[in-house]
C-alpha atoms as a PDB file:
ATOM      1  CA  MET A   1      78.307  56.706 199.370  1.00  0.00           C
ATOM      2  CA  HIS A   2      76.381  53.872 197.695  1.00  0.00           C
ATOM      3  CA  ALA A   3      76.442  53.911 193.882  1.00  0.00           C
ATOM      4  CA  ILE A   4      73.517  52.129 192.211  1.00  0.00           C
ATOM      5  CA  LEU A   5      73.751  51.055 188.572  1.00  0.00           C
ATOM      6  CA  GLY A   6      70.439  50.563 186.778  1.00  0.00           C
ATOM      7  CA  ALA A   7      68.783  53.209 188.923  1.00  0.00           C
ATOM      8  CA  THR A   8      65.677  53.574 186.759  1.00  0.00           C
ATOM      9  CA  GLY A   9      64.797  49.869 186.797  1.00  0.00           C
ATOM     10  CA  LYS A  10      62.426  48.235 189.282  1.00  0.00           C
ATOM     11  CA  VAL A  11      65.275  46.753 191.328  1.00  0.00           C
ATOM     12  CA  GLY A  12      67.544  49.796 191.334  1.00  0.00           C
ATOM     13  CA  ARG A  13      64.803  52.324 192.010  1.00  0.00           C
ATOM     14  CA  THR A  14      63.568  50.308 195.004  1.00  0.00           C
ATOM     15  CA  THR A  15      67.063  49.858 196.429  1.00  0.00           C
ATOM     16  CA  ILE A  16      67.639  53.610 196.190  1.00  0.00           C
ATOM     17  CA  ALA A  17      64.341  54.470 197.869  1.00  0.00           C
ATOM     18  CA  GLU A  18      65.076  52.102 200.770  1.00  0.00           C
ATOM     19  CA  LEU A  19      68.626  53.380 201.242  1.00  0.00           C
ATOM     20  CA  ARG A  20      67.463  56.986 201.238  1.00  0.00           C
ATOM     21  CA  LYS A  21      64.799  56.162 203.864  1.00  0.00           C
ATOM     22  CA  SER A  22      67.695  55.038 206.059  1.00  0.00           C
ATOM     23  CA  GLY A  23      69.581  58.258 205.395  1.00  0.00           C
ATOM     24  CA  VAL A  24      72.322  56.630 203.335  1.00  0.00           C
ATOM     25  CA  PRO A  25      73.930  58.860 200.685  1.00  0.00           C
ATOM     26  CA  VAL A  26      73.235  57.464 197.216  1.00  0.00           C
ATOM     27  CA  ARG A  27      74.637  58.121 193.765  1.00  0.00           C
ATOM     28  CA  ALA A  28      72.094  57.125 191.122  1.00  0.00           C
ATOM     29  CA  ILE A  29      73.842  56.058 187.914  1.00  0.00           C
ATOM     30  CA  LEU A  30      71.718  56.897 184.882  1.00  0.00           C
ATOM     31  CA  ARG A  31      72.194  56.485 181.166  1.00  0.00           C
ATOM     32  CA  ASP A  32      69.643  59.207 180.403  1.00  0.00           C
ATOM     33  CA  GLY A  33      70.070  62.513 182.238  1.00  0.00           C
ATOM     34  CA  SER A  34      66.465  63.493 181.482  1.00  0.00           C
ATOM     35  CA  LYS A  35      65.371  61.007 184.167  1.00  0.00           C
ATOM     36  CA  ALA A  36      67.427  62.616 186.923  1.00  0.00           C
ATOM     37  CA  GLN A  37      64.745  64.791 188.541  1.00  0.00           C
ATOM     38  CA  ALA A  38      63.012  61.999 190.460  1.00  0.00           C
ATOM     39  CA  PHE A  39      66.344  60.973 191.993  1.00  0.00           C
ATOM     40  CA  LEU A  40      67.337  64.530 192.792  1.00  0.00           C
ATOM     41  CA  GLU A  41      64.064  64.837 194.709  1.00  0.00           C
ATOM     42  CA  LEU A  42      65.105  61.790 196.753  1.00  0.00           C
ATOM     43  CA  GLY A  43      68.347  63.575 197.620  1.00  0.00           C
ATOM     44  CA  CYS A  44      70.582  61.493 195.353  1.00  0.00           C
ATOM     45  CA  GLU A  45      73.791  62.498 193.680  1.00  0.00           C
ATOM     46  CA  ILE A  46      73.588  61.860 189.921  1.00  0.00           C
ATOM     47  CA  ALA A  47      76.141  60.229 187.613  1.00  0.00           C
ATOM     48  CA  ILE A  48      75.609  59.744 183.882  1.00  0.00           C
ATOM     49  CA  ALA A  49      77.221  56.678 182.341  1.00  0.00           C
ATOM     50  CA  ASP A  50      76.563  54.168 179.595  1.00  0.00           C
ATOM     51  CA  VAL A  51      77.237  50.588 180.679  1.00  0.00           C
ATOM     52  CA  HIS A  52      79.471  50.083 177.639  1.00  0.00           C
ATOM     53  CA  ASP A  53      81.730  53.031 178.559  1.00  0.00           C
ATOM     54  CA  HIS A  54      84.210  51.811 181.179  1.00  0.00           C
ATOM     55  CA  ARG A  55      85.691  55.306 181.694  1.00  0.00           C
ATOM     56  CA  ALA A  56      82.282  56.797 182.467  1.00  0.00           C
ATOM     57  CA  LEU A  57      81.464  53.820 184.697  1.00  0.00           C
ATOM     58  CA  THR A  58      84.748  54.172 186.563  1.00  0.00           C
ATOM     59  CA  ALA A  59      83.974  57.828 187.225  1.00  0.00           C
ATOM     60  CA  ALA A  60      80.462  56.892 188.380  1.00  0.00           C
ATOM     61  CA  PHE A  61      81.846  54.273 190.799  1.00  0.00           C
ATOM     62  CA  GLU A  62      84.759  56.409 191.993  1.00  0.00           C
ATOM     63  CA  GLY A  63      84.654  57.246 195.707  1.00  0.00           C
ATOM     64  CA  ALA A  64      81.697  54.924 196.435  1.00  0.00           C
ATOM     65  CA  SER A  65      82.109  52.592 199.400  1.00  0.00           C
ATOM     66  CA  ALA A  66      79.505  50.232 197.945  1.00  0.00           C
ATOM     67  CA  VAL A  67      78.343  49.619 194.385  1.00  0.00           C
ATOM     68  CA  GLN A  68      75.253  47.702 193.281  1.00  0.00           C
ATOM     69  CA  ILE A  69      75.388  46.387 189.735  1.00  0.00           C
ATOM     70  CA  ILE A  70      72.921  44.750 187.415  1.00  0.00           C
ATOM     71  CA  CYS A  71      73.537  43.334 183.943  1.00  0.00           C
ATOM     72  CA  PRO A  72      71.063  44.806 181.431  1.00  0.00           C
ATOM     73  CA  VAL A  73      69.898  42.439 178.704  1.00  0.00           C
ATOM     74  CA  ASP A  74      69.206  43.413 175.094  1.00  0.00           C
ATOM     75  CA  VAL A  75      66.588  40.906 173.934  1.00  0.00           C
ATOM     76  CA  ARG A  76      66.873  42.116 170.325  1.00  0.00           C
ATOM     77  CA  ALA A  77      70.665  41.867 170.020  1.00  0.00           C
ATOM     78  CA  ALA A  78      71.814  39.752 167.075  1.00  0.00           C
ATOM     79  CA  GLU A  79      74.699  38.369 169.183  1.00  0.00           C
ATOM     80  CA  ALA A  80      73.172  38.510 172.654  1.00  0.00           C
ATOM     81  CA  TYR A  81      75.600  36.366 174.652  1.00  0.00           C
ATOM     82  CA  SER A  82      78.819  37.803 173.204  1.00  0.00           C
ATOM     83  CA  GLY A  83      77.432  41.317 173.639  1.00  0.00           C
ATOM     84  CA  MET A  84      76.694  40.673 177.301  1.00  0.00           C
ATOM     85  CA  ARG A  85      80.176  39.219 177.805  1.00  0.00           C
ATOM     86  CA  ARG A  86      81.696  42.435 176.444  1.00  0.00           C
ATOM     87  CA  LEU A  87      79.514  44.375 178.868  1.00  0.00           C
ATOM     88  CA  LEU A  88      80.824  42.249 181.755  1.00  0.00           C
ATOM     89  CA  ASP A  89      84.391  43.034 180.751  1.00  0.00           C
ATOM     90  CA  CYS A  90      83.537  46.731 180.817  1.00  0.00           C
ATOM     91  CA  LEU A  91      81.949  46.447 184.270  1.00  0.00           C
ATOM     92  CA  GLY A  92      84.899  44.448 185.565  1.00  0.00           C
ATOM     93  CA  GLU A  93      87.422  47.023 184.346  1.00  0.00           C
ATOM     94  CA  ALA A  94      85.493  49.887 185.939  1.00  0.00           C
ATOM     95  CA  LEU A  95      85.094  48.120 189.283  1.00  0.00           C
ATOM     96  CA  SER A  96      88.757  47.105 189.296  1.00  0.00           C
ATOM     97  CA  ALA A  97      89.761  50.726 188.764  1.00  0.00           C
ATOM     98  CA  ALA A  98      87.310  52.265 191.272  1.00  0.00           C
ATOM     99  CA  LYS A  99      87.936  49.641 193.996  1.00  0.00           C
ATOM    100  CA  PRO A 100      84.737  49.947 196.074  1.00  0.00           C
ATOM    101  CA  ARG A 101      84.921  48.087 199.406  1.00  0.00           C
ATOM    102  CA  THR A 102      81.558  46.371 198.812  1.00  0.00           C
ATOM    103  CA  ILE A 103      80.042  45.090 195.574  1.00  0.00           C
ATOM    104  CA  LEU A 104      76.506  43.712 195.398  1.00  0.00           C
ATOM    105  CA  ALA A 105      75.599  42.041 192.112  1.00  0.00           C
ATOM    106  CA  ILE A 106      72.079  41.097 191.073  1.00  0.00           C
ATOM    107  CA  SER A 107      72.588  37.547 189.807  1.00  0.00           C
ATOM    108  CA  ASP A 108      70.219  34.703 188.964  1.00  0.00           C
ATOM    109  CA  TYR A 109      69.005  31.340 190.188  1.00  0.00           C
ATOM    110  CA  GLY A 110      71.070  28.692 188.431  1.00  0.00           C
ATOM    111  CA  ALA A 111      74.186  30.884 188.170  1.00  0.00           C
ATOM    112  CA  GLN A 112      76.231  28.106 189.790  1.00  0.00           C
ATOM    113  CA  HIS A 113      76.101  26.075 186.550  1.00  0.00           C
ATOM    114  CA  SER A 114      78.780  26.561 183.902  1.00  0.00           C
ATOM    115  CA  SER A 115      76.839  25.119 180.961  1.00  0.00           C
ATOM    116  CA  GLY A 116      73.383  24.290 179.632  1.00  0.00           C
ATOM    117  CA  THR A 117      71.401  27.146 181.154  1.00  0.00           C
ATOM    118  CA  GLY A 118      71.084  29.614 178.288  1.00  0.00           C
ATOM    119  CA  VAL A 119      70.703  33.222 179.392  1.00  0.00           C
ATOM    120  CA  THR A 120      71.670  32.314 182.954  1.00  0.00           C
ATOM    121  CA  LEU A 121      75.210  31.559 181.761  1.00  0.00           C
ATOM    122  CA  ILE A 122      75.833  35.297 181.636  1.00  0.00           C
ATOM    123  CA  PHE A 123      75.270  35.425 185.395  1.00  0.00           C
ATOM    124  CA  HIS A 124      77.697  32.547 185.889  1.00  0.00           C
ATOM    125  CA  ALA A 125      80.227  34.617 183.942  1.00  0.00           C
ATOM    126  CA  LEU A 126      79.345  37.724 185.968  1.00  0.00           C
ATOM    127  CA  GLU A 127      79.957  35.947 189.258  1.00  0.00           C
ATOM    128  CA  ALA A 128      83.242  34.483 187.999  1.00  0.00           C
ATOM    129  CA  ARG A 129      84.457  37.919 186.877  1.00  0.00           C
ATOM    130  CA  LEU A 130      83.559  39.560 190.187  1.00  0.00           C
ATOM    131  CA  ARG A 131      85.310  36.875 192.215  1.00  0.00           C
ATOM    132  CA  GLN A 132      88.547  37.923 190.506  1.00  0.00           C
ATOM    133  CA  LEU A 133      88.318  41.473 191.872  1.00  0.00           C
ATOM    134  CA  GLU A 134      90.136  42.688 194.947  1.00  0.00           C
ATOM    135  CA  THR A 135      87.256  43.828 197.148  1.00  0.00           C
ATOM    136  CA  GLU A 136      86.557  43.472 200.853  1.00  0.00           C
ATOM    137  CA  ARG A 137      82.983  42.243 200.468  1.00  0.00           C
ATOM    138  CA  LEU A 138      81.196  40.638 197.533  1.00  0.00           C
ATOM    139  CA  ILE A 139      77.474  39.909 197.758  1.00  0.00           C
ATOM    140  CA  LEU A 140      75.942  37.756 195.028  1.00  0.00           C
ATOM    141  CA  LEU A 141      72.179  38.235 195.210  1.00  0.00           C
ATOM    142  CA  ARG A 142      70.715  35.465 193.086  1.00  0.00           C
ATOM    143  CA  SER A 143      67.167  36.341 192.153  1.00  0.00           C
ATOM    144  CA  ALA A 144      64.437  33.907 191.185  1.00  0.00           C
ATOM    145  CA  GLU A 145      62.513  34.830 188.019  1.00  0.00           C
ATOM    146  CA  HIS A 146      60.583  38.062 188.384  1.00  0.00           C
ATOM    147  CA  MET A 147      56.807  37.797 188.686  1.00  0.00           C
ATOM    148  CA  GLU A 148      56.565  40.799 186.386  1.00  0.00           C
ATOM    149  CA  ASN A 149      57.858  38.610 183.539  1.00  0.00           C
ATOM    150  CA  TRP A 150      54.349  37.134 183.282  1.00  0.00           C
ATOM    151  CA  ALA A 151      53.079  40.492 181.963  1.00  0.00           C
ATOM    152  CA  ARG A 152      52.827  39.710 178.248  1.00  0.00           C
ATOM    153  CA  LEU A 153      51.412  36.199 178.686  1.00  0.00           C
ATOM    154  CA  ALA A 154      49.016  37.380 181.406  1.00  0.00           C
ATOM    155  CA  LYS A 155      47.427  39.853 179.008  1.00  0.00           C
ATOM    156  CA  VAL A 156      47.171  37.179 176.320  1.00  0.00           C
ATOM    157  CA  ALA A 157      45.497  34.845 178.823  1.00  0.00           C
ATOM    158  CA  ALA A 158      43.073  37.537 179.991  1.00  0.00           C
ATOM    159  CA  GLU A 159      41.894  38.007 176.396  1.00  0.00           C
ATOM    160  CA  SER A 160      41.915  34.405 175.174  1.00  0.00           C
ATOM    161  CA  GLY A 161      41.312  32.301 178.285  1.00  0.00           C
ATOM    162  CA  ARG A 162      44.536  30.373 177.541  1.00  0.00           C
ATOM    163  CA  LEU A 163      47.892  30.834 179.268  1.00  0.00           C
ATOM    164  CA  PRO A 164      50.687  29.409 177.075  1.00  0.00           C
ATOM    165  CA  SER A 165      53.391  27.890 179.268  1.00  0.00           C
ATOM    166  CA  PHE A 166      57.006  27.136 178.487  1.00  0.00           C
ATOM    167  CA  TYR A 167      57.159  25.383 181.853  1.00  0.00           C
ATOM    168  CA  HIS A 168      56.372  21.665 181.930  1.00  0.00           C
ATOM    169  CA  PRO A 169      54.565  20.097 183.670  1.00  0.00           C
ATOM    170  CA  LEU A 170      51.849  22.607 184.540  1.00  0.00           C
ATOM    171  CA  THR A 171      52.070  21.472 188.165  1.00  0.00           C
ATOM    172  CA  LYS A 172      55.763  22.426 188.393  1.00  0.00           C
ATOM    173  CA  LEU A 173      56.393  24.748 191.360  1.00  0.00           C
ATOM    174  CA  LEU A 174      58.447  27.712 190.174  1.00  0.00           C
ATOM    175  CA  PRO A 175      60.624  29.969 192.337  1.00  0.00           C
ATOM    176  CA  THR A 176      59.598  33.550 191.591  1.00  0.00           C
ATOM    177  CA  ILE A 177      59.760  36.986 193.192  1.00  0.00           C
ATOM    178  CA  SER A 178      58.623  40.532 192.548  1.00  0.00           C
ATOM    179  CA  ALA A 179      61.433  42.673 191.150  1.00  0.00           C
ATOM    180  CA  PHE A 180      60.579  45.326 193.734  1.00  0.00           C
ATOM    181  CA  ASP A 181      61.214  42.815 196.530  1.00  0.00           C
ATOM    182  CA  VAL A 182      64.637  42.070 195.025  1.00  0.00           C
ATOM    183  CA  GLY A 183      65.433  45.779 195.341  1.00  0.00           C
ATOM    184  CA  SER A 184      64.309  45.820 198.974  1.00  0.00           C
ATOM    185  CA  ILE A 185      66.367  42.744 199.842  1.00  0.00           C
ATOM    186  CA  ALA A 186      69.408  44.293 198.137  1.00  0.00           C
ATOM    187  CA  ALA A 187      69.029  47.405 200.307  1.00  0.00           C
ATOM    188  CA  GLU A 188      68.782  45.257 203.449  1.00  0.00           C
ATOM    189  CA  LEU A 189      71.996  43.458 202.528  1.00  0.00           C
ATOM    190  CA  LEU A 190      73.843  46.697 201.818  1.00  0.00           C
ATOM    191  CA  LEU A 191      72.781  48.069 205.198  1.00  0.00           C
ATOM    192  CA  GLU A 192      73.784  44.973 207.159  1.00  0.00           C
ATOM    193  CA  LYS A 193      77.222  44.460 208.643  1.00  0.00           C
ATOM    194  CA  GLN A 194      79.097  41.719 206.847  1.00  0.00           C
ATOM    195  CA  ASP A 195      82.361  40.140 207.923  1.00  0.00           C
ATOM    196  CA  ALA A 196      82.518  37.437 205.262  1.00  0.00           C
ATOM    197  CA  ALA A 197      84.393  38.302 202.084  1.00  0.00           C
ATOM    198  CA  LEU A 198      81.826  36.432 199.977  1.00  0.00           C
ATOM    199  CA  ARG A 199      78.113  36.155 200.629  1.00  0.00           C
ATOM    200  CA  ILE A 200      75.650  34.290 198.400  1.00  0.00           C
ATOM    201  CA  VAL A 201      71.971  35.061 198.945  1.00  0.00           C
ATOM    202  CA  HIS A 202      69.026  33.536 197.066  1.00  0.00           C
ATOM    203  CA  ALA A 203      65.908  35.698 196.799  1.00  0.00           C
ATOM    204  CA  GLU A 204      62.423  34.408 196.090  1.00  0.00           C
ATOM    205  CA  GLY A 205      58.855  35.226 197.046  1.00  0.00           C
ATOM    206  CA  PRO A 206      56.786  33.997 199.991  1.00  0.00           C
ATOM    207  CA  ARG A 207      55.744  30.854 198.090  1.00  0.00           C
ATOM    208  CA  ARG A 208      56.249  29.039 194.807  1.00  0.00           C
ATOM    209  CA  TYR A 209      53.591  28.903 192.098  1.00  0.00           C
ATOM    210  CA  THR A 210      52.749  26.526 189.260  1.00  0.00           C
ATOM    211  CA  PRO A 211      51.698  27.663 185.771  1.00  0.00           C
ATOM    212  CA  SER A 212      48.218  26.429 186.699  1.00  0.00           C
ATOM    213  CA  ASP A 213      48.293  28.713 189.770  1.00  0.00           C
ATOM    214  CA  VAL A 214      49.137  31.649 187.511  1.00  0.00           C
ATOM    215  CA  ALA A 215      46.246  30.823 185.177  1.00  0.00           C
ATOM    216  CA  ALA A 216      43.828  30.506 188.115  1.00  0.00           C
ATOM    217  CA  ALA A 217      44.941  33.868 189.498  1.00  0.00           C
ATOM    218  CA  ILE A 218      44.392  35.562 186.130  1.00  0.00           C
ATOM    219  CA  GLY A 219      40.980  33.945 185.932  1.00  0.00           C
ATOM    220  CA  SER A 220      40.086  35.174 189.404  1.00  0.00           C
ATOM    221  CA  LEU A 221      41.139  38.728 188.535  1.00  0.00           C
ATOM    222  CA  THR A 222      39.331  38.817 185.185  1.00  0.00           C
ATOM    223  CA  GLY A 223      36.221  36.861 186.129  1.00  0.00           C
ATOM    224  CA  ARG A 224      36.648  34.296 183.369  1.00  0.00           C
ATOM    225  CA  ASP A 225      37.918  30.740 183.011  1.00  0.00           C
ATOM    226  CA  VAL A 226      41.640  30.688 182.229  1.00  0.00           C
ATOM    227  CA  ALA A 227      43.587  27.470 181.707  1.00  0.00           C
ATOM    228  CA  ALA A 228      47.321  26.973 181.407  1.00  0.00           C
ATOM    229  CA  GLN A 229      48.370  25.100 178.274  1.00  0.00           C
ATOM    230  CA  PRO A 230      51.847  23.644 177.701  1.00  0.00           C
ATOM    231  CA  LEU A 231      53.557  25.033 174.623  1.00  0.00           C
ATOM    232  CA  PRO A 232      55.387  22.243 172.762  1.00  0.00           C
ATOM    233  CA  GLU A 233      59.144  22.691 172.896  1.00  0.00           C
ATOM    234  CA  THR A 234      59.309  22.588 169.098  1.00  0.00           C
ATOM    235  CA  ASP A 235      57.279  25.828 169.042  1.00  0.00           C
ATOM    236  CA  TRP A 236      59.328  27.766 171.629  1.00  0.00           C
ATOM    237  CA  GLN A 237      61.862  29.407 169.327  1.00  0.00           C
ATOM    238  CA  ALA A 238      59.253  30.657 166.848  1.00  0.00           C
ATOM    239  CA  ALA A 239      56.943  31.888 169.609  1.00  0.00           C
ATOM    240  CA  LEU A 240      59.734  33.881 171.249  1.00  0.00           C
ATOM    241  CA  MET A 241      60.815  35.413 167.958  1.00  0.00           C
ATOM    242  CA  ARG A 242      57.213  36.433 167.194  1.00  0.00           C
ATOM    243  CA  ALA A 243      57.314  38.292 170.524  1.00  0.00           C
ATOM    244  CA  GLY A 244      60.167  40.442 169.175  1.00  0.00           C
ATOM    245  CA  LEU A 245      63.236  38.610 170.498  1.00  0.00           C
ATOM    246  CA  SER A 246      66.265  38.119 168.296  1.00  0.00           C
ATOM    247  CA  GLU A 247      66.970  34.621 167.018  1.00  0.00           C
ATOM    248  CA  ASP A 248      70.084  34.428 169.192  1.00  0.00           C
ATOM    249  CA  TYR A 249      68.380  35.585 172.379  1.00  0.00           C
ATOM    250  CA  ALA A 250      65.365  33.336 171.731  1.00  0.00           C
ATOM    251  CA  GLY A 251      67.750  30.392 171.478  1.00  0.00           C
ATOM    252  CA  LEU A 252      69.239  31.275 174.858  1.00  0.00           C
ATOM    253  CA  LEU A 253      65.755  31.358 176.375  1.00  0.00           C
ATOM    254  CA  VAL A 254      64.860  27.993 174.837  1.00  0.00           C
ATOM    255  CA  GLU A 255      67.895  26.512 176.591  1.00  0.00           C
ATOM    256  CA  LEU A 256      66.946  28.283 179.829  1.00  0.00           C
ATOM    257  CA  TYR A 257      63.371  26.941 179.827  1.00  0.00           C
ATOM    258  CA  ALA A 258      64.675  23.426 179.155  1.00  0.00           C
ATOM    259  CA  ALA A 259      67.016  23.806 182.141  1.00  0.00           C
ATOM    260  CA  HIS A 260      64.114  25.093 184.261  1.00  0.00           C
ATOM    261  CA  ASN A 261      62.012  22.074 183.367  1.00  0.00           C
ATOM    262  CA  ALA A 262      64.936  19.791 184.226  1.00  0.00           C
ATOM    263  CA  GLY A 263      65.093  21.356 187.718  1.00  0.00           C
ATOM    264  CA  ARG A 264      68.484  23.056 187.251  1.00  0.00           C
ATOM    265  CA  ILE A 265      67.340  26.658 187.851  1.00  0.00           C
ATOM    266  CA  ASP A 266      67.030  26.650 191.599  1.00  0.00           C
ATOM    267  CA  VAL A 267      68.817  27.375 194.859  1.00  0.00           C
ATOM    268  CA  GLU A 268      72.358  26.045 195.003  1.00  0.00           C
ATOM    269  CA  ARG A 269      72.201  23.268 197.577  1.00  0.00           C
ATOM    270  CA  ASP A 270      74.032  23.881 200.868  1.00  0.00           C
ATOM    271  CA  VAL A 271      75.315  27.264 199.664  1.00  0.00           C
ATOM    272  CA  GLY A 272      74.324  30.669 200.987  1.00  0.00           C
ATOM    273  CA  GLU A 273      70.932  31.589 202.381  1.00  0.00           C
ATOM    274  CA  ILE A 274      67.402  32.325 201.181  1.00  0.00           C
ATOM    275  CA  ARG A 275      65.700  35.687 201.672  1.00  0.00           C
ATOM    276  CA  ARG A 276      61.989  35.896 200.944  1.00  0.00           C
ATOM    277  CA  GLY A 277      60.057  38.822 199.549  1.00  0.00           C
ATOM    278  CA  THR A 278      56.569  39.581 200.816  1.00  0.00           C
ATOM    279  CA  THR A 279      54.720  40.286 197.559  1.00  0.00           C
ATOM    280  CA  GLU A 280      52.240  37.633 196.437  1.00  0.00           C
ATOM    281  CA  LEU A 281      51.735  36.784 192.761  1.00  0.00           C
ATOM    282  CA  MET A 282      48.099  37.932 192.848  1.00  0.00           C
ATOM    283  CA  GLU A 283      49.221  41.450 193.753  1.00  0.00           C
ATOM    284  CA  VAL A 284      51.643  41.609 190.830  1.00  0.00           C
ATOM    285  CA  LEU A 285      49.125  40.204 188.348  1.00  0.00           C
ATOM    286  CA  ARG A 286      46.493  42.686 189.541  1.00  0.00           C
ATOM    287  CA  ARG A 287      48.927  45.516 188.874  1.00  0.00           C
ATOM    288  CA  ILE A 288      49.786  44.096 185.416  1.00  0.00           C
ATOM    289  CA  LEU A 289      46.194  43.594 184.312  1.00  0.00           C
ATOM    290  CA  SER A 290      45.000  46.971 185.530  1.00  0.00           C
ATOM    291  CA  ALA A 291      47.819  48.875 183.775  1.00  0.00           C
END
């Protein structure tokens, strides 16, 4: 039995679909039971658990040979980092009690750094907590930024002809991947035989793109001129808070973008392997703009 946390998200839903295609029994872990029908139709077992309830999580993980976990982020939390650390403690307690043989964690590019990376520090903490567990196999699937994260700015650019960019310079090649490809790669890794106790895998798309590439793609899809424009760093915090993020979470993102621009959010050199998704950015942007 493979238990998948975050079943309703893009990553989790895709992992489940791929595992079921291969005939693997799956337990979909949901917070909201009203969303169970789609997973029942796939032949999944259902478990209901809130990620902050370690007893419910333990029950959801119990008896599973493999567990896939993801760390949900509350972008409006007043104390975002400390809240996520408490969530990690809850996950760690549940996994320690359930003792699955295999754990696959969706982590992040840059998780190897212990400071100066903002939001990505939570994934450093996640990896450190999981390494303390007694498990036969631990897979750390470090994902590049999801292409789908361009959604809000892509719609702004389609209307205004300007794509604000936190990334500097505009010619900077960014590792990125579709969230659905992350789910597919996770399923592949869960289905593969693994002898190593620890496996680190970096996941990104078929190619890297610059902010200018993103603007050009939006322009091509909308039939208008779209230009990427660097957003001054002094404006980042206010811009993120106007988008609905809490002051604390916006501050974490400011630090993350600064780390990105300094080249720190990337593959860990000489560690692990790289798996590539197949989805091109144009396909994701087409889906975003037609929604």
